[in-house]
Amino acid sequence: MTEDDYQKINVLLDELYFKVNNSLEEYINVIEGHEILPNSYFELKYSLYKSNLTGFNSLYDKAFLKETILLFYKDLLCAVYYKFKGNQLDYFHNILSQYMPKEHIQDIITTDRNSIVYKFTEELLIEVLFTENNTTGICVMNSFYRKDQLKSEPEKEYEVMLIKNNISITN
């Protein structure tokens, strides 16, 4: 990647505020504990928090529909979720494409579930997803979290069983 590519990504990261792979300690004053679905795979594996940061209520001029959710694994920020009203896939695609390093353009992945995944670096991926309830979600994640997203249901069920029985997970 070129120096210009790194600068573009840094501008993007500044806009996002929360940066994956930063420590919980760095955000402890602007987040609070949060619970969504107790006993779900992600809720059991990750510590969930929501942002209580005042003044950070939009991304690229689109207001957040709900609070920003942060997922930490062993005190390391692995994913951040932002939610917006309506179908914003094209809007965010146009913005995020501007920050993509040229050699990673082929790493933009679209799926049949109204989702686009942008791989900026090995450790910075962003998924934009249009949901059935007419909202758009953005997940900024690291590779560790992405691997968990891609696990099959049996793999997740097995890992939940290990977690519930206090058996160490090796990843």
N, C-alpha and C. Protein backbone atom coordinates (compact mmCIF):
# COMPACT_ATOMS: atom_id res chain seq x y z
N MET A 1 0.84 -1.19 0.00
CA MET A 1 0.00 0.00 0.00
C MET A 1 0.88 1.25 0.00
N THR A 2 0.37 2.28 -0.60
CA THR A 2 1.11 3.53 -0.67
C THR A 2 0.87 4.38 0.58
N GLU A 3 1.69 5.38 0.74
CA GLU A 3 1.51 6.31 1.85
C GLU A 3 0.16 7.01 1.75
N ASP A 4 -0.25 7.32 0.53
CA ASP A 4 -1.56 7.94 0.29
C ASP A 4 -2.70 7.03 0.75
N ASP A 5 -2.56 5.71 0.50
CA ASP A 5 -3.57 4.75 0.95
C ASP A 5 -3.69 4.76 2.47
N TYR A 6 -2.55 4.75 3.16
CA TYR A 6 -2.58 4.78 4.62
C TYR A 6 -3.21 6.07 5.14
N GLN A 7 -2.93 7.17 4.49
CA GLN A 7 -3.52 8.45 4.90
C GLN A 7 -5.04 8.43 4.73
N LYS A 8 -5.51 7.87 3.62
CA LYS A 8 -6.96 7.76 3.39
C LYS A 8 -7.61 6.91 4.48
N ILE A 9 -6.99 5.79 4.79
CA ILE A 9 -7.55 4.89 5.81
C ILE A 9 -7.56 5.60 7.17
N ASN A 10 -6.53 6.36 7.48
CA ASN A 10 -6.49 7.09 8.75
C ASN A 10 -7.59 8.14 8.82
N VAL A 11 -7.89 8.79 7.71
CA VAL A 11 -9.00 9.75 7.68
C VAL A 11 -10.32 9.02 7.96
N LEU A 12 -10.49 7.86 7.34
CA LEU A 12 -11.69 7.04 7.58
C LEU A 12 -11.78 6.64 9.05
N LEU A 13 -10.68 6.18 9.63
CA LEU A 13 -10.68 5.77 11.03
C LEU A 13 -11.01 6.93 11.96
N ASP A 14 -10.54 8.11 11.64
CA ASP A 14 -10.88 9.28 12.46
C ASP A 14 -12.38 9.54 12.42
N GLU A 15 -13.00 9.38 11.27
CA GLU A 15 -14.45 9.59 11.14
C GLU A 15 -15.22 8.55 11.96
N LEU A 16 -14.72 7.31 12.00
CA LEU A 16 -15.41 6.23 12.70
C LEU A 16 -15.27 6.35 14.22
N TYR A 17 -14.31 7.06 14.71
CA TYR A 17 -13.99 7.31 16.11
C TYR A 17 -13.46 6.06 16.83
N PHE A 18 -14.26 5.01 16.91
CA PHE A 18 -13.82 3.79 17.59
C PHE A 18 -12.97 2.96 16.63
N LYS A 19 -11.79 2.56 17.08
CA LYS A 19 -10.84 1.87 16.21
C LYS A 19 -10.65 0.43 16.69
N VAL A 20 -10.88 -0.53 15.78
CA VAL A 20 -10.69 -1.93 16.14
C VAL A 20 -9.22 -2.15 16.52
N ASN A 21 -9.04 -3.12 17.40
CA ASN A 21 -7.74 -3.51 17.95
C ASN A 21 -7.21 -2.53 18.99
N ASN A 22 -8.00 -1.52 19.37
CA ASN A 22 -7.64 -0.68 20.51
C ASN A 22 -8.14 -1.36 21.77
N SER A 23 -7.59 -0.96 22.91
CA SER A 23 -7.95 -1.62 24.17
C SER A 23 -9.21 -1.02 24.78
N LEU A 24 -9.87 -1.81 25.60
CA LEU A 24 -11.04 -1.37 26.35
C LEU A 24 -10.70 -0.14 27.19
N GLU A 25 -9.53 -0.15 27.75
CA GLU A 25 -9.08 0.95 28.61
C GLU A 25 -9.15 2.31 27.90
N GLU A 26 -8.90 2.32 26.60
CA GLU A 26 -8.91 3.58 25.85
C GLU A 26 -10.30 4.19 25.74
N TYR A 27 -11.34 3.37 25.91
CA TYR A 27 -12.71 3.86 25.72
C TYR A 27 -13.57 3.79 26.98
N ILE A 28 -13.00 3.37 28.07
CA ILE A 28 -13.77 3.09 29.28
C ILE A 28 -14.63 4.28 29.74
N ASN A 29 -14.22 5.50 29.46
CA ASN A 29 -14.98 6.67 29.89
C ASN A 29 -16.11 7.07 28.95
N VAL A 30 -16.20 6.43 27.79
CA VAL A 30 -17.24 6.80 26.81
C VAL A 30 -18.13 5.62 26.43
N ILE A 31 -18.07 4.54 27.22
CA ILE A 31 -18.91 3.37 26.96
C ILE A 31 -19.51 2.87 28.26
N GLU A 32 -20.58 2.07 28.12
CA GLU A 32 -21.18 1.42 29.28
C GLU A 32 -21.62 0.02 28.87
N GLY A 33 -21.71 -0.88 29.84
CA GLY A 33 -22.10 -2.25 29.56
C GLY A 33 -23.43 -2.33 28.83
N HIS A 34 -23.59 -3.37 28.02
CA HIS A 34 -24.80 -3.52 27.22
C HIS A 34 -25.12 -5.00 27.04
N GLU A 35 -26.40 -5.29 26.91
CA GLU A 35 -26.84 -6.67 26.72
C GLU A 35 -27.90 -6.68 25.63
N ILE A 36 -27.79 -7.63 24.71
CA ILE A 36 -28.78 -7.74 23.63
C ILE A 36 -29.51 -9.07 23.73
N LEU A 37 -28.80 -10.15 23.46
CA LEU A 37 -29.40 -11.49 23.50
C LEU A 37 -28.57 -12.36 24.43
N PRO A 38 -28.92 -12.41 25.71
CA PRO A 38 -28.15 -13.25 26.63
C PRO A 38 -28.07 -14.68 26.10
N ASN A 39 -26.93 -15.29 26.29
CA ASN A 39 -26.64 -16.67 25.88
C ASN A 39 -26.48 -16.85 24.38
N SER A 40 -26.46 -15.77 23.61
CA SER A 40 -26.16 -15.91 22.18
C SER A 40 -24.65 -16.08 22.02
N TYR A 41 -24.25 -16.58 20.89
CA TYR A 41 -22.83 -16.83 20.63
C TYR A 41 -21.98 -15.58 20.86
N PHE A 42 -22.35 -14.49 20.21
CA PHE A 42 -21.52 -13.29 20.31
C PHE A 42 -21.59 -12.66 21.70
N GLU A 43 -22.73 -12.77 22.36
CA GLU A 43 -22.88 -12.21 23.70
C GLU A 43 -22.06 -13.01 24.72
N LEU A 44 -21.94 -14.31 24.50
CA LEU A 44 -21.14 -15.13 25.42
C LEU A 44 -19.65 -14.97 25.18
N LYS A 45 -19.25 -14.85 23.93
CA LYS A 45 -17.83 -14.79 23.60
C LYS A 45 -17.25 -13.39 23.80
N TYR A 46 -18.03 -12.37 23.52
CA TYR A 46 -17.55 -10.99 23.56
C TYR A 46 -18.21 -10.22 24.70
N SER A 47 -17.52 -9.21 25.18
CA SER A 47 -18.11 -8.27 26.13
C SER A 47 -18.72 -7.14 25.30
N LEU A 48 -20.02 -6.88 25.51
CA LEU A 48 -20.72 -5.87 24.74
C LEU A 48 -20.84 -4.57 25.53
N TYR A 49 -20.66 -3.47 24.81
CA TYR A 49 -20.79 -2.14 25.37
C TYR A 49 -21.54 -1.27 24.39
N LYS A 50 -22.11 -0.19 24.90
CA LYS A 50 -22.69 0.80 23.99
C LYS A 50 -22.01 2.13 24.27
N SER A 51 -21.95 2.94 23.24
CA SER A 51 -21.31 4.24 23.35
C SER A 51 -22.22 5.21 24.09
N ASN A 52 -21.64 5.98 24.99
CA ASN A 52 -22.38 7.09 25.60
C ASN A 52 -21.64 8.39 25.30
N LEU A 53 -20.91 8.37 24.20
CA LEU A 53 -20.12 9.51 23.75
C LEU A 53 -21.06 10.61 23.26
N THR A 54 -21.02 11.75 23.90
CA THR A 54 -21.88 12.85 23.47
C THR A 54 -21.27 13.52 22.25
N GLY A 55 -22.12 13.93 21.34
CA GLY A 55 -21.65 14.60 20.14
C GLY A 55 -21.30 13.69 18.98
N PHE A 56 -21.19 12.40 19.24
CA PHE A 56 -20.90 11.44 18.16
C PHE A 56 -22.20 10.70 17.88
N ASN A 57 -23.02 11.26 16.99
CA ASN A 57 -24.34 10.69 16.74
C ASN A 57 -24.65 10.53 15.25
N SER A 58 -23.62 10.63 14.42
CA SER A 58 -23.82 10.44 12.98
C SER A 58 -22.51 10.02 12.33
N LEU A 59 -22.64 9.52 11.12
CA LEU A 59 -21.49 9.11 10.33
C LEU A 59 -21.73 9.60 8.92
N TYR A 60 -20.84 10.42 8.42
CA TYR A 60 -20.97 10.99 7.08
C TYR A 60 -22.36 11.59 6.86
N ASP A 61 -22.79 12.39 7.82
CA ASP A 61 -24.05 13.14 7.76
C ASP A 61 -25.31 12.27 7.85
N LYS A 62 -25.18 11.02 8.20
CA LYS A 62 -26.34 10.15 8.43
C LYS A 62 -26.44 9.89 9.93
N ALA A 63 -27.57 10.28 10.51
CA ALA A 63 -27.77 10.12 11.96
C ALA A 63 -27.90 8.64 12.32
N PHE A 64 -27.35 8.28 13.48
CA PHE A 64 -27.50 6.92 13.99
C PHE A 64 -28.95 6.69 14.37
N LEU A 65 -29.47 5.51 14.06
CA LEU A 65 -30.82 5.13 14.45
C LEU A 65 -30.83 4.65 15.90
N LYS A 66 -29.78 3.94 16.28
CA LYS A 66 -29.65 3.40 17.64
C LYS A 66 -28.24 3.67 18.14
N GLU A 67 -28.00 3.29 19.39
CA GLU A 67 -26.68 3.49 19.96
C GLU A 67 -25.63 2.64 19.22
N THR A 68 -24.40 3.09 19.29
CA THR A 68 -23.28 2.37 18.71
C THR A 68 -22.91 1.24 19.66
N ILE A 69 -22.77 0.02 19.12
CA ILE A 69 -22.45 -1.16 19.94
C ILE A 69 -21.01 -1.58 19.67
N LEU A 70 -20.27 -1.86 20.75
CA LEU A 70 -18.87 -2.26 20.65
C LEU A 70 -18.71 -3.65 21.24
N LEU A 71 -17.95 -4.51 20.57
CA LEU A 71 -17.70 -5.86 21.04
C LEU A 71 -16.21 -6.03 21.31
N PHE A 72 -15.89 -6.40 22.55
CA PHE A 72 -14.51 -6.60 22.96
C PHE A 72 -14.28 -8.07 23.26
N TYR A 73 -13.13 -8.56 22.87
CA TYR A 73 -12.70 -9.91 23.23
C TYR A 73 -11.39 -9.75 24.00
N LYS A 74 -11.41 -10.19 25.25
CA LYS A 74 -10.23 -10.05 26.12
C LYS A 74 -9.70 -8.63 26.09
N ASP A 75 -10.58 -7.68 26.26
CA ASP A 75 -10.26 -6.25 26.34
C ASP A 75 -9.72 -5.63 25.05
N LEU A 76 -9.91 -6.31 23.93
CA LEU A 76 -9.49 -5.79 22.63
C LEU A 76 -10.73 -5.53 21.78
N LEU A 77 -10.86 -4.32 21.27
CA LEU A 77 -12.03 -3.99 20.44
C LEU A 77 -11.96 -4.75 19.13
N CYS A 78 -12.96 -5.59 18.89
CA CYS A 78 -12.99 -6.44 17.69
C CYS A 78 -14.03 -5.99 16.68
N ALA A 79 -15.10 -5.35 17.13
CA ALA A 79 -16.15 -4.93 16.19
C ALA A 79 -16.94 -3.76 16.76
N VAL A 80 -17.40 -2.91 15.85
CA VAL A 80 -18.25 -1.77 16.20
C VAL A 80 -19.42 -1.77 15.23
N TYR A 81 -20.64 -1.67 15.78
CA TYR A 81 -21.86 -1.66 14.97
C TYR A 81 -22.53 -0.30 15.02
N TYR A 82 -22.84 0.21 13.83
CA TYR A 82 -23.61 1.45 13.67
C TYR A 82 -24.88 1.09 12.92
N LYS A 83 -26.00 1.74 13.27
CA LYS A 83 -27.27 1.44 12.60
C LYS A 83 -27.92 2.73 12.11
N PHE A 84 -28.49 2.65 10.89
CA PHE A 84 -29.08 3.82 10.23
C PHE A 84 -30.46 3.47 9.69
N LYS A 85 -31.30 4.48 9.55
CA LYS A 85 -32.65 4.30 9.02
C LYS A 85 -32.59 4.17 7.49
N GLY A 86 -33.39 3.25 6.96
CA GLY A 86 -33.54 3.12 5.51
C GLY A 86 -32.40 2.39 4.83
N ASN A 87 -32.49 2.32 3.51
CA ASN A 87 -31.47 1.64 2.71
C ASN A 87 -30.37 2.64 2.35
N GLN A 88 -29.23 2.48 2.99
CA GLN A 88 -28.09 3.37 2.78
C GLN A 88 -26.92 2.65 2.11
N LEU A 89 -27.18 1.48 1.50
CA LEU A 89 -26.10 0.71 0.88
C LEU A 89 -25.33 1.54 -0.14
N ASP A 90 -26.02 2.13 -1.09
CA ASP A 90 -25.35 2.91 -2.13
C ASP A 90 -24.63 4.12 -1.56
N TYR A 91 -25.27 4.78 -0.61
CA TYR A 91 -24.69 5.97 0.01
C TYR A 91 -23.33 5.63 0.63
N PHE A 92 -23.30 4.58 1.46
CA PHE A 92 -22.04 4.23 2.12
C PHE A 92 -21.06 3.56 1.17
N HIS A 93 -21.56 2.86 0.15
CA HIS A 93 -20.65 2.28 -0.85
C HIS A 93 -19.88 3.40 -1.54
N ASN A 94 -20.57 4.45 -1.93
CA ASN A 94 -19.90 5.57 -2.60
C ASN A 94 -18.85 6.21 -1.70
N ILE A 95 -19.12 6.30 -0.43
CA ILE A 95 -18.16 6.90 0.51
C ILE A 95 -16.99 5.96 0.76
N LEU A 96 -17.29 4.71 1.13
CA LEU A 96 -16.22 3.78 1.50
C LEU A 96 -15.31 3.46 0.32
N SER A 97 -15.85 3.42 -0.87
CA SER A 97 -15.04 3.14 -2.06
C SER A 97 -13.92 4.16 -2.24
N GLN A 98 -14.17 5.38 -1.81
CA GLN A 98 -13.16 6.43 -1.94
C GLN A 98 -11.93 6.17 -1.07
N TYR A 99 -12.10 5.38 -0.01
CA TYR A 99 -11.01 5.12 0.92
C TYR A 99 -10.27 3.81 0.62
N MET A 100 -10.81 3.02 -0.30
CA MET A 100 -10.21 1.71 -0.60
C MET A 100 -8.87 1.87 -1.31
N PRO A 101 -7.84 1.19 -0.80
CA PRO A 101 -6.58 1.16 -1.55
C PRO A 101 -6.82 0.47 -2.90
N LYS A 102 -6.17 0.97 -3.93
CA LYS A 102 -6.41 0.44 -5.28
C LYS A 102 -6.18 -1.06 -5.37
N GLU A 103 -5.17 -1.57 -4.67
CA GLU A 103 -4.90 -3.02 -4.75
C GLU A 103 -5.93 -3.86 -3.99
N HIS A 104 -6.83 -3.20 -3.24
CA HIS A 104 -7.85 -3.94 -2.50
C HIS A 104 -9.25 -3.80 -3.12
N ILE A 105 -9.35 -3.12 -4.23
CA ILE A 105 -10.66 -2.96 -4.88
C ILE A 105 -11.29 -4.32 -5.15
N GLN A 106 -10.48 -5.30 -5.53
CA GLN A 106 -11.01 -6.65 -5.79
C GLN A 106 -11.47 -7.33 -4.50
N ASP A 107 -11.15 -6.75 -3.35
CA ASP A 107 -11.54 -7.32 -2.06
C ASP A 107 -12.89 -6.81 -1.58
N ILE A 108 -13.63 -6.12 -2.44
CA ILE A 108 -15.00 -5.72 -2.11
C ILE A 108 -15.88 -6.91 -2.45
N ILE A 109 -16.56 -7.46 -1.44
CA ILE A 109 -17.35 -8.69 -1.61
C ILE A 109 -18.83 -8.36 -1.44
N THR A 110 -19.63 -8.72 -2.42
CA THR A 110 -21.08 -8.55 -2.29
C THR A 110 -21.71 -9.93 -2.16
N THR A 111 -22.83 -9.98 -1.45
CA THR A 111 -23.52 -11.25 -1.26
C THR A 111 -24.98 -11.09 -1.63
N ASP A 112 -25.69 -12.19 -1.62
CA ASP A 112 -27.11 -12.15 -1.95
C ASP A 112 -27.97 -11.67 -0.80
N ARG A 113 -27.36 -11.31 0.30
CA ARG A 113 -28.16 -10.86 1.46
C ARG A 113 -28.03 -9.35 1.67
N ASN A 114 -27.88 -8.62 0.56
CA ASN A 114 -27.80 -7.16 0.63
C ASN A 114 -26.66 -6.68 1.52
N SER A 115 -25.51 -7.27 1.31
CA SER A 115 -24.34 -6.97 2.13
C SER A 115 -23.13 -6.70 1.23
N ILE A 116 -22.33 -5.74 1.65
CA ILE A 116 -21.06 -5.46 0.97
C ILE A 116 -19.97 -5.45 2.04
N VAL A 117 -18.90 -6.21 1.80
CA VAL A 117 -17.77 -6.25 2.73
C VAL A 117 -16.56 -5.62 2.04
N TYR A 118 -15.96 -4.67 2.73
CA TYR A 118 -14.78 -3.96 2.23
C TYR A 118 -13.58 -4.39 3.07
N LYS A 119 -12.55 -4.89 2.42
CA LYS A 119 -11.33 -5.28 3.13
C LYS A 119 -10.26 -4.22 2.85
N PHE A 120 -10.06 -3.34 3.81
CA PHE A 120 -9.09 -2.25 3.65
C PHE A 120 -7.67 -2.73 3.90
N THR A 121 -7.51 -3.53 4.96
CA THR A 121 -6.23 -4.15 5.29
C THR A 121 -6.56 -5.53 5.86
N GLU A 122 -5.55 -6.28 6.23
CA GLU A 122 -5.79 -7.60 6.84
C GLU A 122 -6.56 -7.46 8.15
N GLU A 123 -6.42 -6.32 8.82
CA GLU A 123 -7.04 -6.12 10.13
C GLU A 123 -8.15 -5.09 10.15
N LEU A 124 -8.60 -4.63 9.00
CA LEU A 124 -9.69 -3.66 8.97
C LEU A 124 -10.66 -4.03 7.86
N LEU A 125 -11.82 -4.52 8.28
CA LEU A 125 -12.89 -4.85 7.34
C LEU A 125 -14.13 -4.08 7.76
N ILE A 126 -14.92 -3.69 6.77
CA ILE A 126 -16.17 -3.00 7.05
C ILE A 126 -17.27 -3.66 6.24
N GLU A 127 -18.35 -4.06 6.92
CA GLU A 127 -19.51 -4.63 6.25
C GLU A 127 -20.66 -3.64 6.34
N VAL A 128 -21.31 -3.41 5.20
CA VAL A 128 -22.52 -2.60 5.15
C VAL A 128 -23.65 -3.55 4.76
N LEU A 129 -24.71 -3.57 5.57
CA LEU A 129 -25.77 -4.56 5.41
C LEU A 129 -27.13 -3.88 5.47
N PHE A 130 -27.96 -4.14 4.47
CA PHE A 130 -29.34 -3.66 4.49
C PHE A 130 -30.20 -4.78 5.05
N THR A 131 -30.98 -4.48 6.09
CA THR A 131 -31.75 -5.51 6.78
C THR A 131 -33.21 -5.53 6.36
N GLU A 132 -33.90 -6.60 6.75
CA GLU A 132 -35.32 -6.78 6.41
C GLU A 132 -36.21 -5.72 7.06
N ASN A 133 -35.76 -5.14 8.16
CA ASN A 133 -36.59 -4.13 8.84
C ASN A 133 -36.26 -2.71 8.38
N ASN A 134 -35.77 -2.60 7.15
CA ASN A 134 -35.52 -1.31 6.49
C ASN A 134 -34.52 -0.44 7.24
N THR A 135 -33.44 -1.07 7.71
CA THR A 135 -32.34 -0.34 8.32
C THR A 135 -31.04 -0.78 7.65
N THR A 136 -30.04 0.05 7.79
CA THR A 136 -28.71 -0.28 7.27
C THR A 136 -27.77 -0.35 8.46
N GLY A 137 -27.02 -1.43 8.54
CA GLY A 137 -26.02 -1.59 9.58
C GLY A 137 -24.63 -1.53 9.00
N ILE A 138 -23.73 -0.98 9.76
CA ILE A 138 -22.32 -0.99 9.40
C ILE A 138 -21.57 -1.67 10.53
N CYS A 139 -20.77 -2.65 10.18
CA CYS A 139 -19.91 -3.32 11.17
C CYS A 139 -18.46 -3.10 10.76
N VAL A 140 -17.73 -2.41 11.61
CA VAL A 140 -16.29 -2.23 11.43
C VAL A 140 -15.66 -3.31 12.29
N MET A 141 -14.81 -4.15 11.69
CA MET A 141 -14.32 -5.31 12.43
C MET A 141 -12.87 -5.64 12.11
N ASN A 142 -12.26 -6.44 12.99
CA ASN A 142 -10.94 -6.98 12.71
C ASN A 142 -11.10 -8.40 12.16
N SER A 143 -10.00 -9.03 11.80
CA SER A 143 -10.07 -10.36 11.17
C SER A 143 -10.56 -11.43 12.15
N PHE A 144 -10.25 -11.28 13.43
CA PHE A 144 -10.70 -12.24 14.44
C PHE A 144 -12.23 -12.31 14.47
N TYR A 145 -12.86 -11.14 14.51
CA TYR A 145 -14.32 -11.09 14.54
C TYR A 145 -14.90 -11.61 13.23
N ARG A 146 -14.28 -11.26 12.11
CA ARG A 146 -14.77 -11.72 10.80
C ARG A 146 -14.77 -13.24 10.73
N LYS A 147 -13.74 -13.87 11.27
CA LYS A 147 -13.69 -15.34 11.29
C LYS A 147 -14.87 -15.90 12.09
N ASP A 148 -15.19 -15.24 13.20
CA ASP A 148 -16.35 -15.68 13.99
C ASP A 148 -17.65 -15.50 13.22
N GLN A 149 -17.78 -14.42 12.49
CA GLN A 149 -18.98 -14.19 11.67
C GLN A 149 -19.18 -15.31 10.66
N LEU A 150 -18.10 -15.81 10.12
CA LEU A 150 -18.17 -16.80 9.04
C LEU A 150 -18.29 -18.24 9.53
N LYS A 151 -18.22 -18.45 10.84
CA LYS A 151 -18.35 -19.81 11.37
C LYS A 151 -19.76 -20.34 11.12
N SER A 152 -19.84 -21.64 10.94
CA SER A 152 -21.14 -22.29 10.75
C SER A 152 -21.87 -22.36 12.10
N GLU A 153 -23.17 -22.59 12.04
CA GLU A 153 -23.95 -22.72 13.28
C GLU A 153 -23.43 -23.85 14.17
N PRO A 154 -23.11 -25.05 13.62
CA PRO A 154 -22.55 -26.10 14.49
C PRO A 154 -21.24 -25.67 15.16
N GLU A 155 -20.40 -24.94 14.45
CA GLU A 155 -19.15 -24.46 15.05
C GLU A 155 -19.45 -23.49 16.20
N LYS A 156 -20.41 -22.61 15.99
CA LYS A 156 -20.77 -21.65 17.04
C LYS A 156 -21.39 -22.37 18.23
N GLU A 157 -22.26 -23.35 17.97
CA GLU A 157 -22.88 -24.11 19.06
C GLU A 157 -21.83 -24.84 19.88
N TYR A 158 -20.85 -25.41 19.21
CA TYR A 158 -19.77 -26.11 19.90
C TYR A 158 -19.00 -25.13 20.79
N GLU A 159 -18.69 -23.98 20.26
CA GLU A 159 -17.95 -22.99 21.03
C GLU A 159 -18.76 -22.48 22.22
N VAL A 160 -20.07 -22.29 22.05
CA VAL A 160 -20.94 -21.89 23.15
C VAL A 160 -20.90 -22.94 24.25
N MET A 161 -20.94 -24.21 23.87
CA MET A 161 -20.86 -25.29 24.86
C MET A 161 -19.54 -25.20 25.63
N LEU A 162 -18.44 -24.93 24.93
CA LEU A 162 -17.15 -24.80 25.60
C LEU A 162 -17.16 -23.61 26.57
N ILE A 163 -17.70 -22.50 26.13
CA ILE A 163 -17.75 -21.30 26.97
C ILE A 163 -18.59 -21.55 28.21
N LYS A 164 -19.76 -22.16 28.04
CA LYS A 164 -20.66 -22.41 29.17
C LYS A 164 -20.06 -23.39 30.17
N ASN A 165 -19.14 -24.24 29.71
CA ASN A 165 -18.51 -25.21 30.59
C ASN A 165 -17.11 -24.76 31.02
N ASN A 166 -16.82 -23.49 30.81
CA ASN A 166 -15.52 -22.91 31.20
C ASN A 166 -14.33 -23.66 30.64
N ILE A 167 -14.47 -24.12 29.41
CA ILE A 167 -13.38 -24.80 28.73
C ILE A 167 -12.70 -23.78 27.82
N SER A 168 -11.41 -23.70 27.93
CA SER A 168 -10.65 -22.68 27.18
C SER A 168 -10.79 -22.86 25.68
N ILE A 169 -10.94 -21.73 24.99
CA ILE A 169 -11.00 -21.71 23.53
C ILE A 169 -9.62 -21.30 23.04
N THR A 170 -9.11 -21.98 22.05
CA THR A 170 -7.72 -21.76 21.64
C THR A 170 -7.53 -20.66 20.61
N ASN A 171 -8.58 -19.93 20.19
CA ASN A 171 -8.32 -18.86 19.21
C ASN A 171 -8.39 -17.50 19.81
